[in-house]
Every structure is written in structure tokens, then in C-alpha cells.
Amino acid sequence: SVLSPQVIDHSVKVARHYNSLQEVGLAARSRSRIFFMRNFNNWLKSILIGEVLEKVRGAGSQQVSVLDLGCGKGGDLLKWRRGGINHLVCADIAAVSVDQCESRYDDMKKKSYANEKIYSAQFISADCTKVEPQHLDQLTEVEP
């Protein structure tokens, strides 16, 4: 196929959009037109995460690592915590979202009980459609 000389990198537009979104808080989100759809979506993800982790553990895996592509601001961090995983790699195209995700993770760790084991995590800001998975670990440091 022949590419136009003005090929637009849509990933830049997507990252710019998500990086420009302001945090509005729970009260404003609860007034959103899609509030109930988001709740349903989160409930469904909780069920799917639980079922998949059960199958992974049923196959003999005791140490579970997860790659969360499109992690956003970290809305699934508690789902992974409830799932009892060992390591989470959070990747998103929007650097601001990844920073917020890391901040949420740090807050979650601070608020946890002293004897509670919280999974380790990595946070990567990258266009994962352009980075091969084996090179993701070169983009960030592992959080102990």
C-alpha cells in the first residue's frame, strides 16, 4: 500500500488527549452519563480477572505476573490486589495517566496493613504498539 506523505501519528493525538484530561473526583464522575456503564464494566472486569487468575493458578502457577496494557490511571489496581498477584506491569501511552497510576499504587501500599503482601509493580509510559514486549523492561525500573 502507498502511504500518504502526511502520515499522521495517531498515538501522539491519543496521548495528548489523555494527558490533557483533568481529574474530576468521585462526585463529578457519579454524575456522568456513563456512570452506570462504567460500574458495570468494572464489575465485569473484576469477574474476568478472578476467573482468569483461578485458571492460571489451577494450571500450577503460584507466582503470577500481569501485564496491564492501557492501564490508564490505575483503576484496576485494587482488582489485582484482590487477585493476589505477585507482580504487575502497568503500561499506557499517556504519561500523565501512568504517573497517576503509580501515585495510586504508592497510596495503596501506604494504606495497607503492615503484614499485608502487596504485589510489586512497574510503570511504563510507551506506545505499546511500537515497542516489542521483550524491550518493555528497558523503559523503566522495577519498583520493589
Protein backbone atom coordinates (compact mmCIF):
# COMPACT_ATOMS: atom_id res chain seq x y z
CA SER A 1 0.00 0.00 0.00
CA VAL A 2 1.09 3.54 -0.67
CA LEU A 3 1.28 5.86 2.33
CA SER A 4 0.35 9.50 2.12
CA PRO A 5 3.27 11.89 2.59
CA GLN A 6 1.35 13.35 5.55
CA VAL A 7 1.09 10.21 7.65
CA ILE A 8 -0.46 11.19 10.97
CA ASP A 9 0.84 9.52 14.09
CA HIS A 10 -2.43 8.93 15.90
CA SER A 11 -0.65 7.76 19.02
CA VAL A 12 0.56 11.33 19.60
CA LYS A 13 -3.03 12.60 19.39
CA VAL A 14 -4.26 9.89 21.76
CA ALA A 15 -1.51 10.57 24.30
CA ARG A 16 -2.14 14.32 24.10
CA HIS A 17 -5.87 13.79 24.69
CA TYR A 18 -5.46 11.60 27.78
CA ASN A 19 -2.62 13.72 29.16
CA SER A 20 -4.86 16.80 29.00
CA LEU A 21 -7.77 15.26 30.95
CA GLN A 22 -8.23 16.73 34.40
CA GLU A 23 -9.00 14.62 37.48
CA VAL A 24 -12.61 15.46 38.38
CA GLY A 25 -13.17 13.39 41.50
CA LEU A 26 -15.73 10.80 42.51
CA ALA A 27 -18.67 13.21 42.93
CA ALA A 28 -18.36 14.52 39.37
CA ARG A 29 -17.83 11.01 37.96
CA SER A 30 -21.03 9.84 39.68
CA ARG A 31 -22.97 12.48 37.70
CA SER A 32 -21.55 11.26 34.40
CA ARG A 33 -23.98 9.95 31.75
CA ILE A 34 -21.92 6.75 31.60
CA PHE A 35 -21.60 6.23 35.36
CA PHE A 36 -23.66 3.01 35.42
CA MET A 37 -21.95 1.65 32.32
CA ARG A 38 -18.56 2.23 33.98
CA ASN A 39 -19.75 0.45 37.12
CA PHE A 40 -20.92 -2.49 35.03
CA ASN A 41 -17.63 -2.51 33.13
CA ASN A 42 -15.65 -2.56 36.39
CA TRP A 43 -17.81 -5.33 37.83
CA LEU A 44 -17.32 -7.38 34.66
CA LYS A 45 -13.54 -6.85 34.75
CA SER A 46 -13.49 -7.99 38.39
CA ILE A 47 -15.27 -11.21 37.44
CA LEU A 48 -13.00 -11.84 34.44
CA ILE A 49 -9.83 -11.14 36.42
CA GLY A 50 -10.96 -13.53 39.16
CA GLU A 51 -11.83 -16.29 36.68
CA VAL A 52 -8.59 -15.98 34.72
CA LEU A 53 -6.44 -15.92 37.87
CA GLU A 54 -8.26 -19.02 39.10
CA LYS A 55 -7.44 -20.83 35.83
CA VAL A 56 -3.81 -19.68 35.91
CA ARG A 57 -3.40 -20.93 39.46
CA GLY A 58 -5.28 -24.14 38.60
CA ALA A 59 -2.67 -24.78 35.92
CA GLY A 60 0.01 -24.73 38.62
CA SER A 61 1.29 -21.15 38.55
CA GLN A 62 1.99 -19.89 42.04
CA GLN A 63 3.87 -16.74 41.04
CA VAL A 64 1.56 -14.62 38.89
CA SER A 65 2.75 -11.61 36.90
CA VAL A 66 0.37 -9.45 34.88
CA LEU A 67 0.91 -7.01 32.01
CA ASP A 68 -1.86 -4.40 32.08
CA LEU A 69 -1.79 -2.70 28.67
CA GLY A 70 -3.76 0.53 28.69
CA CYS A 71 -3.67 0.72 32.50
CA GLY A 72 -4.82 4.34 32.49
CA LYS A 73 -4.86 5.96 35.91
CA GLY A 74 -4.79 2.62 37.72
CA GLY A 75 -8.48 1.87 38.11
CA ASP A 76 -7.76 -1.86 38.27
CA LEU A 77 -5.04 -1.78 40.95
CA LEU A 78 -7.44 -2.97 43.66
CA LYS A 79 -8.73 -5.75 41.42
CA TRP A 80 -5.17 -7.06 41.03
CA ARG A 81 -4.64 -6.70 44.77
CA ARG A 82 -7.75 -8.76 45.50
CA GLY A 83 -6.48 -11.30 42.97
CA GLY A 84 -3.31 -11.80 45.00
CA ILE A 85 -0.88 -11.42 42.11
CA ASN A 86 2.87 -11.13 42.66
CA HIS A 87 3.88 -8.53 40.08
CA LEU A 88 2.09 -6.01 37.86
CA VAL A 89 3.45 -4.15 34.86
CA CYS A 90 1.29 -1.11 34.09
CA ALA A 91 1.75 0.34 30.61
CA ASP A 92 -0.08 3.19 28.91
CA ILE A 93 0.52 5.66 26.11
CA ALA A 94 -0.36 8.63 28.35
CA ALA A 95 2.50 9.56 30.68
CA VAL A 96 0.22 11.63 32.95
CA SER A 97 -2.05 8.61 33.45
CA VAL A 98 0.92 6.37 34.23
CA ASP A 99 2.14 8.90 36.82
CA GLN A 100 -1.34 8.93 38.41
CA CYS A 101 -1.40 5.13 38.35
CA GLU A 102 1.96 4.99 40.14
CA SER A 103 0.74 7.52 42.70
CA ARG A 104 -2.38 5.42 43.34
CA TYR A 105 -0.20 2.34 43.76
CA ASP A 106 2.04 4.16 46.26
CA ASP A 107 -1.04 5.32 48.21
CA MET A 108 -2.44 1.78 48.22
CA LYS A 109 0.84 0.46 49.63
CA LYS A 110 0.96 3.16 52.33
CA LYS A 111 -2.61 2.42 53.41
CA SER A 112 -2.13 -1.36 53.55
CA TYR A 113 -1.60 -3.31 56.75
CA ALA A 114 1.99 -3.92 57.83
CA ASN A 115 1.68 -7.70 57.37
CA GLU A 116 -0.20 -7.46 54.07
CA LYS A 117 1.74 -8.52 50.99
CA ILE A 118 1.21 -6.08 48.13
CA TYR A 119 2.44 -7.02 44.67
CA SER A 120 5.48 -5.29 43.20
CA ALA A 121 4.88 -3.05 40.18
CA GLN A 122 6.49 -1.44 37.17
CA PHE A 123 5.14 1.64 35.42
CA ILE A 124 5.80 2.22 31.73
CA SER A 125 4.80 5.15 29.56
CA ALA A 126 5.05 3.97 25.97
CA ASP A 127 3.12 3.33 22.80
CA CYS A 128 3.00 -0.44 23.21
CA THR A 129 2.03 -0.87 19.56
CA LYS A 130 5.55 0.30 18.71
CA VAL A 131 7.61 -1.37 21.44
CA GLU A 132 8.25 -5.10 21.35
CA PRO A 133 7.30 -6.78 24.66
CA GLN A 134 10.82 -8.06 25.31
CA HIS A 135 12.04 -4.44 25.32
CA LEU A 136 9.45 -3.04 27.77
CA ASP A 137 11.64 -3.72 30.78
CA GLN A 138 14.29 -1.40 29.32
CA LEU A 139 11.89 1.54 29.61
CA THR A 140 11.59 1.63 33.40
CA GLU A 141 12.95 0.46 36.72
CA VAL A 142 11.27 -2.20 38.82
CA GLU A 143 9.50 -0.85 41.92
CA PRO A 144 10.39 -3.09 44.91
